[in-house]
Amino acid sequence: TSSYTRVGILNNPSSKIKESNTAIARGILTAFLTQNNSKLKSFLSKLSKEETAKSLAAGTKITKFLIPGMDGDTFEKKYNTLGLDLIKTHQMFCQEVLKLLPGQMAVMSNGR
């Protein structure tokens, strides 16, 4: 509810990291890196829907879910070059530093 709130995400997958099972995670990371806040919020809401996950798993390209006004070219270029190393780094941080089990979720807060 505050314009001073910041949101970030760390991925802590429970299964082997592959391109086929990281479409949503890569989409979220790409959106954070390439879009402004107003488009980011709408896109993340769309990605978080179960029917979106099912559609992506069935082979639909993530660009089908872009919100009008998003910079689609920038998004697509970054999404296609993001790679899996960033997600692996997130996983390592979650498990080695935060001591989370694979797939375990947590909320981190760092208020002022």
N, C-alpha and C. Protein backbone atom coordinates (compact mmCIF):
# COMPACT_ATOMS: atom_id res chain seq x y z
N THR A 1 0.81 -1.21 0.00
CA THR A 1 0.00 0.00 0.00
C THR A 1 0.84 1.26 0.00
N SER A 2 2.13 1.13 0.13
CA SER A 2 3.01 2.28 0.17
C SER A 2 3.81 2.39 -1.11
N SER A 3 4.00 3.61 -1.57
CA SER A 3 4.82 3.80 -2.76
C SER A 3 6.30 3.63 -2.43
N TYR A 4 6.62 3.48 -1.16
CA TYR A 4 8.01 3.30 -0.73
C TYR A 4 8.39 1.83 -0.56
N THR A 5 7.45 0.93 -0.84
CA THR A 5 7.70 -0.49 -0.70
C THR A 5 8.45 -1.00 -1.92
N ARG A 6 9.44 -1.83 -1.67
CA ARG A 6 10.18 -2.45 -2.76
C ARG A 6 9.94 -3.94 -2.72
N VAL A 7 9.83 -4.52 -3.89
CA VAL A 7 9.59 -5.95 -4.00
C VAL A 7 10.69 -6.55 -4.85
N GLY A 8 11.17 -7.68 -4.42
CA GLY A 8 12.15 -8.44 -5.19
C GLY A 8 11.78 -9.90 -5.10
N ILE A 9 12.48 -10.72 -5.82
CA ILE A 9 12.17 -12.14 -5.80
C ILE A 9 13.46 -12.94 -5.90
N LEU A 10 13.51 -14.02 -5.16
CA LEU A 10 14.60 -14.99 -5.25
C LEU A 10 13.98 -16.33 -5.59
N ASN A 11 14.57 -17.04 -6.50
CA ASN A 11 14.06 -18.34 -6.90
C ASN A 11 14.76 -19.44 -6.12
N ASN A 12 13.96 -20.36 -5.59
CA ASN A 12 14.49 -21.50 -4.85
C ASN A 12 13.79 -22.76 -5.34
N PRO A 13 14.08 -23.17 -6.58
CA PRO A 13 13.36 -24.32 -7.14
C PRO A 13 13.68 -25.62 -6.43
N SER A 14 12.71 -26.53 -6.48
CA SER A 14 12.90 -27.84 -5.85
C SER A 14 13.36 -28.89 -6.86
N SER A 15 13.24 -28.59 -8.13
CA SER A 15 13.63 -29.56 -9.15
C SER A 15 14.83 -29.05 -9.94
N LYS A 16 15.36 -29.92 -10.80
CA LYS A 16 16.50 -29.56 -11.63
C LYS A 16 16.13 -28.37 -12.51
N ILE A 17 17.03 -27.40 -12.59
CA ILE A 17 16.78 -26.17 -13.34
C ILE A 17 17.04 -26.41 -14.82
N LYS A 18 15.96 -26.25 -15.62
CA LYS A 18 16.04 -26.41 -17.08
C LYS A 18 15.24 -25.28 -17.71
N GLU A 19 15.49 -25.00 -18.96
CA GLU A 19 14.71 -23.96 -19.65
C GLU A 19 13.23 -24.29 -19.67
N SER A 20 12.91 -25.56 -19.80
CA SER A 20 11.51 -25.97 -19.91
C SER A 20 10.70 -25.77 -18.63
N ASN A 21 11.36 -25.73 -17.47
CA ASN A 21 10.60 -25.56 -16.23
C ASN A 21 10.88 -24.24 -15.52
N THR A 22 11.47 -23.29 -16.25
CA THR A 22 11.78 -21.99 -15.63
C THR A 22 11.19 -20.81 -16.40
N ALA A 23 10.22 -21.07 -17.26
CA ALA A 23 9.66 -19.99 -18.09
C ALA A 23 9.11 -18.85 -17.24
N ILE A 24 8.35 -19.18 -16.21
CA ILE A 24 7.76 -18.14 -15.37
C ILE A 24 8.84 -17.41 -14.57
N ALA A 25 9.75 -18.14 -13.99
CA ALA A 25 10.84 -17.51 -13.22
C ALA A 25 11.66 -16.58 -14.10
N ARG A 26 12.01 -17.04 -15.32
CA ARG A 26 12.78 -16.20 -16.23
C ARG A 26 11.95 -15.00 -16.70
N GLY A 27 10.64 -15.21 -16.88
CA GLY A 27 9.76 -14.11 -17.26
C GLY A 27 9.69 -13.04 -16.20
N ILE A 28 9.59 -13.46 -14.95
CA ILE A 28 9.55 -12.52 -13.83
C ILE A 28 10.85 -11.75 -13.73
N LEU A 29 11.97 -12.45 -13.78
CA LEU A 29 13.27 -11.77 -13.70
C LEU A 29 13.46 -10.81 -14.86
N THR A 30 13.07 -11.23 -16.05
CA THR A 30 13.20 -10.37 -17.22
C THR A 30 12.34 -9.12 -17.08
N ALA A 31 11.13 -9.29 -16.59
CA ALA A 31 10.25 -8.14 -16.40
C ALA A 31 10.84 -7.15 -15.40
N PHE A 32 11.40 -7.66 -14.30
CA PHE A 32 12.04 -6.78 -13.32
C PHE A 32 13.19 -5.99 -13.96
N LEU A 33 13.90 -6.62 -14.88
CA LEU A 33 15.06 -5.98 -15.49
C LEU A 33 14.72 -5.03 -16.63
N THR A 34 13.54 -5.18 -17.25
CA THR A 34 13.28 -4.42 -18.47
C THR A 34 12.06 -3.50 -18.44
N GLN A 35 11.19 -3.62 -17.47
CA GLN A 35 9.92 -2.88 -17.53
C GLN A 35 9.79 -1.86 -16.40
N ASN A 36 8.91 -0.87 -16.63
CA ASN A 36 8.64 0.10 -15.56
C ASN A 36 7.62 -0.48 -14.59
N ASN A 37 7.48 0.16 -13.45
CA ASN A 37 6.66 -0.40 -12.36
C ASN A 37 5.21 -0.63 -12.72
N SER A 38 4.58 0.27 -13.46
CA SER A 38 3.15 0.10 -13.74
C SER A 38 2.91 -1.12 -14.62
N LYS A 39 3.74 -1.34 -15.60
CA LYS A 39 3.59 -2.52 -16.47
C LYS A 39 4.03 -3.79 -15.75
N LEU A 40 5.03 -3.67 -14.91
CA LEU A 40 5.55 -4.82 -14.17
C LEU A 40 4.47 -5.45 -13.30
N LYS A 41 3.76 -4.64 -12.57
CA LYS A 41 2.73 -5.14 -11.66
C LYS A 41 1.64 -5.91 -12.43
N SER A 42 1.18 -5.36 -13.54
CA SER A 42 0.14 -6.02 -14.33
C SER A 42 0.65 -7.32 -14.94
N PHE A 43 1.87 -7.30 -15.42
CA PHE A 43 2.45 -8.50 -16.03
C PHE A 43 2.64 -9.59 -14.99
N LEU A 44 3.13 -9.24 -13.81
CA LEU A 44 3.33 -10.24 -12.76
C LEU A 44 2.00 -10.86 -12.33
N SER A 45 0.95 -10.05 -12.30
CA SER A 45 -0.38 -10.57 -11.97
C SER A 45 -0.83 -11.59 -13.01
N LYS A 46 -0.55 -11.29 -14.26
CA LYS A 46 -0.93 -12.20 -15.34
C LYS A 46 -0.12 -13.49 -15.28
N LEU A 47 1.18 -13.38 -15.00
CA LEU A 47 2.04 -14.57 -14.93
C LEU A 47 1.69 -15.47 -13.76
N SER A 48 1.13 -14.91 -12.70
CA SER A 48 0.86 -15.69 -11.50
C SER A 48 -0.41 -16.54 -11.59
N LYS A 49 -1.12 -16.44 -12.68
CA LYS A 49 -2.35 -17.21 -12.84
C LYS A 49 -2.05 -18.65 -13.27
N GLU A 50 -2.83 -19.57 -12.74
CA GLU A 50 -2.61 -20.99 -13.03
C GLU A 50 -2.77 -21.31 -14.51
N GLU A 51 -3.74 -20.66 -15.17
CA GLU A 51 -3.94 -20.94 -16.59
C GLU A 51 -2.74 -20.47 -17.43
N THR A 52 -2.05 -19.44 -16.97
CA THR A 52 -0.85 -18.99 -17.66
C THR A 52 0.24 -20.05 -17.54
N ALA A 53 0.42 -20.59 -16.35
CA ALA A 53 1.43 -21.63 -16.13
C ALA A 53 1.13 -22.85 -17.00
N LYS A 54 -0.12 -23.25 -17.07
CA LYS A 54 -0.50 -24.40 -17.89
C LYS A 54 -0.24 -24.13 -19.37
N SER A 55 -0.55 -22.93 -19.80
CA SER A 55 -0.35 -22.56 -21.20
C SER A 55 1.14 -22.55 -21.56
N LEU A 56 1.96 -22.00 -20.68
CA LEU A 56 3.41 -21.99 -20.91
C LEU A 56 3.97 -23.41 -20.94
N ALA A 57 3.49 -24.26 -20.04
CA ALA A 57 3.94 -25.65 -20.01
C ALA A 57 3.54 -26.39 -21.28
N ALA A 58 2.45 -25.95 -21.90
CA ALA A 58 1.99 -26.59 -23.14
C ALA A 58 2.73 -26.05 -24.37
N GLY A 59 3.60 -25.05 -24.16
CA GLY A 59 4.42 -24.57 -25.27
C GLY A 59 4.11 -23.17 -25.77
N THR A 60 3.16 -22.48 -25.17
CA THR A 60 2.86 -21.11 -25.58
C THR A 60 4.06 -20.23 -25.27
N LYS A 61 4.40 -19.34 -26.18
CA LYS A 61 5.51 -18.42 -25.95
C LYS A 61 5.11 -17.36 -24.94
N ILE A 62 6.05 -16.98 -24.08
CA ILE A 62 5.76 -16.04 -23.01
C ILE A 62 5.36 -14.66 -23.56
N THR A 63 5.81 -14.33 -24.76
CA THR A 63 5.47 -13.03 -25.33
C THR A 63 3.98 -12.87 -25.58
N LYS A 64 3.24 -13.96 -25.62
CA LYS A 64 1.78 -13.90 -25.77
C LYS A 64 1.13 -13.23 -24.56
N PHE A 65 1.81 -13.23 -23.43
CA PHE A 65 1.23 -12.72 -22.20
C PHE A 65 1.68 -11.29 -21.87
N LEU A 66 2.42 -10.67 -22.77
CA LEU A 66 2.86 -9.30 -22.52
C LEU A 66 1.67 -8.36 -22.44
N ILE A 67 1.79 -7.35 -21.60
CA ILE A 67 0.74 -6.36 -21.38
C ILE A 67 0.90 -5.24 -22.40
N PRO A 68 -0.20 -4.71 -22.95
CA PRO A 68 -0.08 -3.57 -23.87
C PRO A 68 0.72 -2.43 -23.21
N GLY A 69 1.65 -1.91 -23.97
CA GLY A 69 2.51 -0.84 -23.46
C GLY A 69 3.86 -1.31 -22.98
N MET A 70 4.01 -2.64 -22.79
CA MET A 70 5.32 -3.17 -22.41
C MET A 70 6.26 -3.06 -23.61
N ASP A 71 7.53 -2.91 -23.33
CA ASP A 71 8.54 -2.90 -24.38
C ASP A 71 8.83 -4.36 -24.75
N GLY A 72 8.07 -4.88 -25.69
CA GLY A 72 8.15 -6.29 -26.04
C GLY A 72 9.48 -6.70 -26.65
N ASP A 73 10.06 -5.83 -27.47
CA ASP A 73 11.35 -6.17 -28.09
C ASP A 73 12.45 -6.32 -27.05
N THR A 74 12.51 -5.36 -26.12
CA THR A 74 13.51 -5.41 -25.06
C THR A 74 13.28 -6.63 -24.18
N PHE A 75 12.01 -6.87 -23.83
CA PHE A 75 11.68 -8.03 -23.01
C PHE A 75 12.13 -9.32 -23.68
N GLU A 76 11.75 -9.50 -24.95
CA GLU A 76 12.05 -10.75 -25.65
C GLU A 76 13.55 -10.97 -25.79
N LYS A 77 14.29 -9.92 -26.11
CA LYS A 77 15.74 -10.06 -26.26
C LYS A 77 16.38 -10.49 -24.94
N LYS A 78 15.98 -9.85 -23.83
CA LYS A 78 16.54 -10.19 -22.52
C LYS A 78 16.11 -11.60 -22.10
N TYR A 79 14.85 -11.93 -22.31
CA TYR A 79 14.33 -13.25 -21.94
C TYR A 79 15.11 -14.36 -22.65
N ASN A 80 15.38 -14.15 -23.93
CA ASN A 80 16.07 -15.17 -24.72
C ASN A 80 17.55 -15.29 -24.39
N THR A 81 18.12 -14.30 -23.72
CA THR A 81 19.55 -14.34 -23.38
C THR A 81 19.81 -14.44 -21.88
N LEU A 82 18.77 -14.51 -21.08
CA LEU A 82 18.93 -14.51 -19.62
C LEU A 82 19.71 -15.72 -19.13
N GLY A 83 19.45 -16.87 -19.65
CA GLY A 83 20.18 -18.06 -19.20
C GLY A 83 19.69 -18.55 -17.85
N LEU A 84 20.26 -19.64 -17.42
CA LEU A 84 19.84 -20.28 -16.18
C LEU A 84 20.77 -20.01 -15.00
N ASP A 85 21.92 -19.41 -15.26
CA ASP A 85 22.89 -19.16 -14.19
C ASP A 85 22.34 -18.27 -13.09
N LEU A 86 21.52 -17.28 -13.45
CA LEU A 86 20.95 -16.38 -12.45
C LEU A 86 20.03 -17.13 -11.50
N ILE A 87 19.23 -18.03 -12.04
CA ILE A 87 18.33 -18.83 -11.20
C ILE A 87 19.14 -19.77 -10.32
N LYS A 88 20.21 -20.35 -10.86
CA LYS A 88 21.08 -21.22 -10.07
C LYS A 88 21.75 -20.43 -8.94
N THR A 89 22.12 -19.20 -9.21
CA THR A 89 22.71 -18.34 -8.18
C THR A 89 21.69 -18.04 -7.08
N HIS A 90 20.46 -17.75 -7.47
CA HIS A 90 19.39 -17.54 -6.49
C HIS A 90 19.22 -18.78 -5.62
N GLN A 91 19.17 -19.94 -6.27
CA GLN A 91 18.98 -21.19 -5.54
C GLN A 91 20.11 -21.41 -4.53
N MET A 92 21.33 -21.16 -4.96
CA MET A 92 22.47 -21.33 -4.08
C MET A 92 22.39 -20.38 -2.88
N PHE A 93 22.03 -19.12 -3.13
CA PHE A 93 21.90 -18.15 -2.05
C PHE A 93 20.82 -18.58 -1.06
N CYS A 94 19.67 -19.00 -1.59
CA CYS A 94 18.57 -19.44 -0.72
C CYS A 94 18.97 -20.61 0.16
N GLN A 95 19.71 -21.56 -0.40
CA GLN A 95 20.02 -22.76 0.34
C GLN A 95 21.28 -22.63 1.21
N GLU A 96 22.27 -21.91 0.73
CA GLU A 96 23.53 -21.79 1.47
C GLU A 96 23.51 -20.66 2.50
N VAL A 97 22.92 -19.54 2.14
CA VAL A 97 22.93 -18.37 3.04
C VAL A 97 21.68 -18.32 3.90
N LEU A 98 20.52 -18.48 3.27
CA LEU A 98 19.26 -18.40 4.02
C LEU A 98 18.88 -19.72 4.68
N LYS A 99 19.59 -20.79 4.33
CA LYS A 99 19.38 -22.13 4.89
C LYS A 99 17.97 -22.66 4.62
N LEU A 100 17.45 -22.36 3.43
CA LEU A 100 16.16 -22.89 3.03
C LEU A 100 16.36 -24.25 2.36
N LEU A 101 15.40 -25.11 2.51
CA LEU A 101 15.41 -26.39 1.80
C LEU A 101 14.99 -26.14 0.35
N PRO A 102 15.36 -27.02 -0.59
CA PRO A 102 14.93 -26.84 -1.97
C PRO A 102 13.41 -26.69 -2.06
N GLY A 103 12.97 -25.64 -2.72
CA GLY A 103 11.54 -25.38 -2.88
C GLY A 103 10.87 -24.68 -1.72
N GLN A 104 11.55 -24.54 -0.60
CA GLN A 104 10.97 -23.90 0.57
C GLN A 104 10.79 -22.41 0.31
N MET A 105 9.66 -21.86 0.74
CA MET A 105 9.38 -20.44 0.56
C MET A 105 9.60 -19.67 1.84
N ALA A 106 9.92 -18.39 1.68
CA ALA A 106 10.12 -17.52 2.83
C ALA A 106 9.85 -16.08 2.41
N VAL A 107 9.58 -15.24 3.37
CA VAL A 107 9.43 -13.81 3.14
C VAL A 107 10.59 -13.14 3.87
N MET A 108 11.30 -12.30 3.13
CA MET A 108 12.39 -11.54 3.75
C MET A 108 11.96 -10.10 3.82
N SER A 109 12.31 -9.44 4.89
CA SER A 109 11.94 -8.04 5.05
C SER A 109 13.15 -7.25 5.55
N ASN A 110 13.33 -6.09 4.98
CA ASN A 110 14.43 -5.23 5.39
C ASN A 110 13.88 -3.81 5.46
N GLY A 111 13.16 -3.50 6.51
CA GLY A 111 12.56 -2.18 6.64
C GLY A 111 13.57 -1.16 7.11
N ARG A 112 13.21 0.07 6.88
CA ARG A 112 14.08 1.16 7.35
C ARG A 112 13.73 1.51 8.76
